Amino acid sequence: MGFEIAPAAVQGVVNAVKGEATELSDGIDVESLEGDVSAMASAPAPGAAQAVAEFLGHESPVIQSIGNRITACLLGVTTVTNSYTTASDEMLQTVQSKAIASAESGDFSYFGVE
C-alpha cells in the first residue's frame, strides 16, 4: 500500500489555514479589545467594563494557546511535507545508484534478486 503527498496541495491548505488564523487573531486581538473595554468605562454601566476586562485577562492564555496550536500544526505539516519530499528524492537517488551499480556488476542482491 502506498501513499503520495502533493506538496502544492498541502501548501494550498497551509495558506488557507494561515489566512483563517490571521483573521481569527485579528478578531480576538486582546490588546485591541482592552482598548475597547477602557472606552466602555465611561458607559452607564462601568461594572460591565470591569467584568469584560477580567474575562479577557482570564482568557488571554487560552487565546494565546489556540494561536500556538495553530502555528504548531502549520509548522508540523510543512516540516513533514518537506521531509517526505526530501526522503523521496534521497530514496530515488539511492535506487538509481544501486541500479547503475547492478547494471555494471551484475549483482542484483540489493533488489532481492540473486
N, C-alpha and C. Protein backbone atom coordinates (compact mmCIF):
# COMPACT_ATOMS: atom_id res chain seq x y z
N MET A 1 0.85 -1.17 0.00
CA MET A 1 0.00 0.00 0.00
C MET A 1 0.90 1.23 0.00
N GLY A 2 0.68 2.13 -0.93
CA GLY A 2 1.48 3.33 -1.00
C GLY A 2 0.64 4.57 -0.77
N PHE A 3 1.32 5.64 -0.65
CA PHE A 3 0.65 6.92 -0.50
C PHE A 3 1.49 7.98 -1.18
N GLU A 4 0.87 9.09 -1.44
CA GLU A 4 1.59 10.18 -2.09
C GLU A 4 1.13 11.50 -1.49
N ILE A 5 2.07 12.35 -1.23
CA ILE A 5 1.78 13.69 -0.73
C ILE A 5 2.00 14.66 -1.87
N ALA A 6 1.02 15.49 -2.12
CA ALA A 6 1.14 16.51 -3.17
C ALA A 6 1.53 17.83 -2.49
N PRO A 7 2.83 18.19 -2.53
CA PRO A 7 3.28 19.39 -1.83
C PRO A 7 2.50 20.66 -2.20
N ALA A 8 2.14 20.82 -3.45
CA ALA A 8 1.41 22.03 -3.85
C ALA A 8 0.02 22.07 -3.19
N ALA A 9 -0.62 20.91 -3.09
CA ALA A 9 -1.93 20.85 -2.43
C ALA A 9 -1.79 21.14 -0.94
N VAL A 10 -0.76 20.58 -0.33
CA VAL A 10 -0.51 20.84 1.10
C VAL A 10 -0.27 22.34 1.31
N GLN A 11 0.51 22.95 0.43
CA GLN A 11 0.79 24.38 0.55
C GLN A 11 -0.51 25.18 0.44
N GLY A 12 -1.42 24.75 -0.43
CA GLY A 12 -2.71 25.43 -0.55
C GLY A 12 -3.50 25.38 0.74
N VAL A 13 -3.50 24.22 1.40
CA VAL A 13 -4.21 24.08 2.68
C VAL A 13 -3.53 24.93 3.75
N VAL A 14 -2.20 24.88 3.79
CA VAL A 14 -1.46 25.68 4.78
C VAL A 14 -1.77 27.17 4.59
N ASN A 15 -1.75 27.63 3.36
CA ASN A 15 -2.05 29.04 3.10
C ASN A 15 -3.47 29.41 3.53
N ALA A 16 -4.43 28.52 3.27
CA ALA A 16 -5.82 28.78 3.67
C ALA A 16 -5.94 28.86 5.19
N VAL A 17 -5.27 27.94 5.89
CA VAL A 17 -5.32 27.96 7.36
C VAL A 17 -4.63 29.21 7.89
N LYS A 18 -3.51 29.59 7.29
CA LYS A 18 -2.83 30.83 7.73
C LYS A 18 -3.77 32.03 7.58
N GLY A 19 -4.49 32.08 6.48
CA GLY A 19 -5.44 33.17 6.27
C GLY A 19 -6.52 33.20 7.33
N GLU A 20 -7.08 32.03 7.62
CA GLU A 20 -8.12 31.94 8.65
C GLU A 20 -7.54 32.28 10.03
N ALA A 21 -6.32 31.82 10.30
CA ALA A 21 -5.70 32.10 11.60
C ALA A 21 -5.44 33.59 11.77
N THR A 22 -5.02 34.24 10.70
CA THR A 22 -4.80 35.68 10.76
C THR A 22 -6.11 36.41 11.04
N GLU A 23 -7.16 35.99 10.36
CA GLU A 23 -8.47 36.60 10.59
C GLU A 23 -8.92 36.37 12.04
N LEU A 24 -8.73 35.17 12.54
CA LEU A 24 -9.08 34.87 13.92
C LEU A 24 -8.27 35.72 14.89
N SER A 25 -6.98 35.79 14.64
CA SER A 25 -6.10 36.57 15.51
C SER A 25 -6.47 38.05 15.51
N ASP A 26 -6.76 38.58 14.34
CA ASP A 26 -7.18 39.98 14.26
C ASP A 26 -8.49 40.21 15.00
N GLY A 27 -9.38 39.22 14.95
CA GLY A 27 -10.69 39.35 15.58
C GLY A 27 -10.65 39.25 17.09
N ILE A 28 -9.62 38.59 17.63
CA ILE A 28 -9.53 38.45 19.08
C ILE A 28 -8.24 39.05 19.63
N ASP A 29 -7.79 40.11 19.03
CA ASP A 29 -6.59 40.81 19.48
C ASP A 29 -6.86 41.38 20.87
N VAL A 30 -6.28 40.76 21.89
CA VAL A 30 -6.55 41.11 23.28
C VAL A 30 -6.21 42.57 23.56
N GLU A 31 -5.09 43.05 23.06
CA GLU A 31 -4.71 44.44 23.31
C GLU A 31 -5.73 45.41 22.73
N SER A 32 -6.17 45.12 21.52
CA SER A 32 -7.18 45.97 20.89
C SER A 32 -8.49 45.93 21.68
N LEU A 33 -8.86 44.73 22.11
CA LEU A 33 -10.09 44.60 22.89
C LEU A 33 -9.99 45.33 24.22
N GLU A 34 -8.80 45.32 24.83
CA GLU A 34 -8.63 46.03 26.10
C GLU A 34 -8.85 47.53 25.91
N GLY A 35 -8.44 48.05 24.76
CA GLY A 35 -8.70 49.46 24.47
C GLY A 35 -10.19 49.73 24.35
N ASP A 36 -10.90 48.81 23.72
CA ASP A 36 -12.36 48.95 23.60
C ASP A 36 -13.01 48.89 24.97
N VAL A 37 -12.48 48.02 25.84
CA VAL A 37 -13.03 47.88 27.19
C VAL A 37 -12.81 49.16 27.98
N SER A 38 -11.64 49.76 27.83
CA SER A 38 -11.35 51.02 28.53
C SER A 38 -12.34 52.09 28.11
N ALA A 39 -12.68 52.11 26.83
CA ALA A 39 -13.65 53.09 26.34
C ALA A 39 -15.03 52.84 26.95
N MET A 40 -15.31 51.58 27.30
CA MET A 40 -16.61 51.25 27.91
C MET A 40 -16.74 51.78 29.33
N ALA A 41 -15.60 52.09 29.96
CA ALA A 41 -15.63 52.51 31.36
C ALA A 41 -16.48 53.75 31.57
N SER A 42 -16.58 54.60 30.57
CA SER A 42 -17.39 55.81 30.70
C SER A 42 -18.86 55.56 30.40
N ALA A 43 -19.20 54.33 30.04
CA ALA A 43 -20.59 53.97 29.74
C ALA A 43 -21.40 53.96 31.03
N PRO A 44 -22.73 53.96 30.92
CA PRO A 44 -23.58 53.97 32.12
C PRO A 44 -23.38 52.77 33.05
N ALA A 45 -22.77 51.71 32.56
CA ALA A 45 -22.57 50.52 33.40
C ALA A 45 -21.08 50.20 33.49
N PRO A 46 -20.33 50.96 34.29
CA PRO A 46 -18.88 50.75 34.37
C PRO A 46 -18.50 49.36 34.89
N GLY A 47 -19.39 48.72 35.61
CA GLY A 47 -19.12 47.35 36.08
C GLY A 47 -18.97 46.38 34.93
N ALA A 48 -19.66 46.67 33.82
CA ALA A 48 -19.56 45.80 32.64
C ALA A 48 -18.16 45.84 32.07
N ALA A 49 -17.56 47.03 32.04
CA ALA A 49 -16.19 47.16 31.53
C ALA A 49 -15.23 46.36 32.38
N GLN A 50 -15.40 46.43 33.69
CA GLN A 50 -14.52 45.69 34.59
C GLN A 50 -14.69 44.19 34.39
N ALA A 51 -15.94 43.74 34.23
CA ALA A 51 -16.20 42.31 34.02
C ALA A 51 -15.57 41.82 32.72
N VAL A 52 -15.71 42.60 31.66
CA VAL A 52 -15.12 42.22 30.37
C VAL A 52 -13.60 42.21 30.48
N ALA A 53 -13.03 43.21 31.16
CA ALA A 53 -11.57 43.27 31.33
C ALA A 53 -11.07 42.04 32.09
N GLU A 54 -11.78 41.66 33.13
CA GLU A 54 -11.38 40.48 33.90
C GLU A 54 -11.49 39.21 33.05
N PHE A 55 -12.55 39.13 32.27
CA PHE A 55 -12.74 37.98 31.39
C PHE A 55 -11.57 37.88 30.40
N LEU A 56 -11.23 39.00 29.77
CA LEU A 56 -10.12 38.98 28.80
C LEU A 56 -8.81 38.62 29.48
N GLY A 57 -8.59 39.14 30.67
CA GLY A 57 -7.38 38.80 31.41
C GLY A 57 -7.31 37.32 31.73
N HIS A 58 -8.46 36.76 32.07
CA HIS A 58 -8.52 35.33 32.39
C HIS A 58 -8.36 34.46 31.14
N GLU A 59 -8.95 34.88 30.03
CA GLU A 59 -8.95 34.07 28.81
C GLU A 59 -7.74 34.32 27.91
N SER A 60 -6.95 35.31 28.21
CA SER A 60 -5.79 35.63 27.37
C SER A 60 -4.85 34.44 27.17
N PRO A 61 -4.52 33.67 28.21
CA PRO A 61 -3.67 32.49 27.99
C PRO A 61 -4.32 31.44 27.08
N VAL A 62 -5.63 31.30 27.17
CA VAL A 62 -6.34 30.35 26.31
C VAL A 62 -6.25 30.80 24.86
N ILE A 63 -6.46 32.08 24.65
CA ILE A 63 -6.38 32.64 23.30
C ILE A 63 -4.96 32.44 22.74
N GLN A 64 -3.95 32.70 23.56
CA GLN A 64 -2.56 32.50 23.14
C GLN A 64 -2.30 31.04 22.82
N SER A 65 -2.85 30.14 23.63
CA SER A 65 -2.67 28.71 23.40
C SER A 65 -3.28 28.27 22.07
N ILE A 66 -4.43 28.81 21.74
CA ILE A 66 -5.07 28.48 20.46
C ILE A 66 -4.15 28.90 19.31
N GLY A 67 -3.62 30.11 19.39
CA GLY A 67 -2.69 30.59 18.35
C GLY A 67 -1.45 29.71 18.25
N ASN A 68 -0.92 29.32 19.41
CA ASN A 68 0.27 28.47 19.43
C ASN A 68 0.00 27.11 18.80
N ARG A 69 -1.18 26.55 19.04
CA ARG A 69 -1.52 25.24 18.49
C ARG A 69 -1.69 25.32 16.97
N ILE A 70 -2.30 26.41 16.51
CA ILE A 70 -2.45 26.58 15.07
C ILE A 70 -1.07 26.67 14.42
N THR A 71 -0.19 27.48 15.01
CA THR A 71 1.16 27.63 14.47
C THR A 71 1.91 26.31 14.49
N ALA A 72 1.80 25.55 15.58
CA ALA A 72 2.47 24.25 15.68
C ALA A 72 1.97 23.30 14.60
N CYS A 73 0.68 23.29 14.36
CA CYS A 73 0.12 22.42 13.31
C CYS A 73 0.66 22.80 11.94
N LEU A 74 0.67 24.10 11.65
CA LEU A 74 1.16 24.55 10.35
C LEU A 74 2.63 24.19 10.16
N LEU A 75 3.44 24.42 11.20
CA LEU A 75 4.86 24.08 11.10
C LEU A 75 5.06 22.58 10.97
N GLY A 76 4.27 21.79 11.70
CA GLY A 76 4.38 20.34 11.62
C GLY A 76 4.05 19.81 10.24
N VAL A 77 2.96 20.29 9.68
CA VAL A 77 2.55 19.84 8.34
C VAL A 77 3.60 20.23 7.30
N THR A 78 4.09 21.45 7.40
CA THR A 78 5.11 21.92 6.45
C THR A 78 6.38 21.09 6.58
N THR A 79 6.80 20.82 7.81
CA THR A 79 8.03 20.05 8.03
C THR A 79 7.88 18.62 7.52
N VAL A 80 6.74 17.99 7.79
CA VAL A 80 6.52 16.62 7.32
C VAL A 80 6.52 16.58 5.79
N THR A 81 5.86 17.54 5.17
CA THR A 81 5.82 17.57 3.70
C THR A 81 7.23 17.73 3.13
N ASN A 82 7.99 18.65 3.70
CA ASN A 82 9.37 18.85 3.23
C ASN A 82 10.22 17.60 3.45
N SER A 83 10.04 16.95 4.60
CA SER A 83 10.79 15.72 4.89
C SER A 83 10.42 14.62 3.91
N TYR A 84 9.13 14.49 3.61
CA TYR A 84 8.66 13.47 2.67
C TYR A 84 9.29 13.71 1.29
N THR A 85 9.27 14.96 0.86
CA THR A 85 9.83 15.29 -0.45
C THR A 85 11.33 14.99 -0.49
N THR A 86 12.04 15.38 0.57
CA THR A 86 13.48 15.14 0.64
C THR A 86 13.77 13.65 0.67
N ALA A 87 13.00 12.92 1.50
CA ALA A 87 13.22 11.47 1.60
C ALA A 87 12.95 10.79 0.26
N SER A 88 11.91 11.22 -0.44
CA SER A 88 11.61 10.63 -1.75
C SER A 88 12.76 10.86 -2.71
N ASP A 89 13.31 12.07 -2.71
CA ASP A 89 14.44 12.38 -3.58
C ASP A 89 15.65 11.52 -3.21
N GLU A 90 15.91 11.38 -1.90
CA GLU A 90 17.06 10.59 -1.45
C GLU A 90 16.88 9.11 -1.80
N MET A 91 15.66 8.60 -1.61
CA MET A 91 15.41 7.19 -1.96
C MET A 91 15.56 6.97 -3.45
N LEU A 92 15.06 7.90 -4.24
CA LEU A 92 15.18 7.80 -5.69
C LEU A 92 16.65 7.77 -6.09
N GLN A 93 17.45 8.65 -5.52
CA GLN A 93 18.87 8.68 -5.84
C GLN A 93 19.56 7.37 -5.44
N THR A 94 19.17 6.82 -4.27
CA THR A 94 19.76 5.55 -3.83
C THR A 94 19.41 4.43 -4.80
N VAL A 95 18.14 4.34 -5.16
CA VAL A 95 17.71 3.27 -6.08
C VAL A 95 18.40 3.43 -7.43
N GLN A 96 18.50 4.66 -7.92
CA GLN A 96 19.17 4.89 -9.20
C GLN A 96 20.63 4.47 -9.13
N SER A 97 21.32 4.84 -8.04
CA SER A 97 22.74 4.47 -7.94
C SER A 97 22.91 2.96 -7.81
N LYS A 98 22.00 2.30 -7.08
CA LYS A 98 22.06 0.84 -6.95
C LYS A 98 21.77 0.17 -8.29
N ALA A 99 20.84 0.73 -9.05
CA ALA A 99 20.53 0.17 -10.37
C ALA A 99 21.73 0.29 -11.30
N ILE A 100 22.39 1.43 -11.26
CA ILE A 100 23.58 1.63 -12.10
C ILE A 100 24.67 0.64 -11.69
N ALA A 101 24.89 0.53 -10.36
CA ALA A 101 25.91 -0.40 -9.86
C ALA A 101 25.56 -1.84 -10.26
N SER A 102 24.28 -2.20 -10.17
CA SER A 102 23.85 -3.55 -10.54
C SER A 102 24.06 -3.81 -12.02
N ALA A 103 23.78 -2.79 -12.83
CA ALA A 103 23.96 -2.93 -14.27
C ALA A 103 25.43 -3.15 -14.61
N GLU A 104 26.28 -2.48 -13.86
CA GLU A 104 27.72 -2.60 -14.12
C GLU A 104 28.29 -3.91 -13.59
N SER A 105 27.77 -4.37 -12.43
CA SER A 105 28.37 -5.54 -11.78
C SER A 105 27.60 -6.84 -12.02
N GLY A 106 26.34 -6.73 -12.34
CA GLY A 106 25.52 -7.93 -12.47
C GLY A 106 25.01 -8.43 -11.12
N ASP A 107 25.32 -7.73 -10.02
CA ASP A 107 24.88 -8.10 -8.68
C ASP A 107 23.56 -7.38 -8.38
N PHE A 108 22.47 -8.11 -8.36
CA PHE A 108 21.14 -7.52 -8.13
C PHE A 108 20.60 -7.81 -6.73
N SER A 109 21.49 -8.16 -5.82
CA SER A 109 21.07 -8.54 -4.47
C SER A 109 20.38 -7.39 -3.73
N TYR A 110 20.73 -6.18 -4.01
CA TYR A 110 20.06 -5.03 -3.38
C TYR A 110 18.56 -5.08 -3.65
N PHE A 111 18.20 -5.55 -4.81
CA PHE A 111 16.79 -5.61 -5.22
C PHE A 111 16.13 -6.92 -4.84
N GLY A 112 16.84 -7.76 -4.08
CA GLY A 112 16.27 -9.04 -3.65
C GLY A 112 16.29 -10.11 -4.71
N VAL A 113 17.13 -9.90 -5.73
CA VAL A 113 17.23 -10.88 -6.82
C VAL A 113 18.64 -11.47 -6.77
N GLU A 114 18.69 -12.78 -6.72
CA GLU A 114 20.00 -13.46 -6.67
C GLU A 114 20.49 -13.75 -8.06
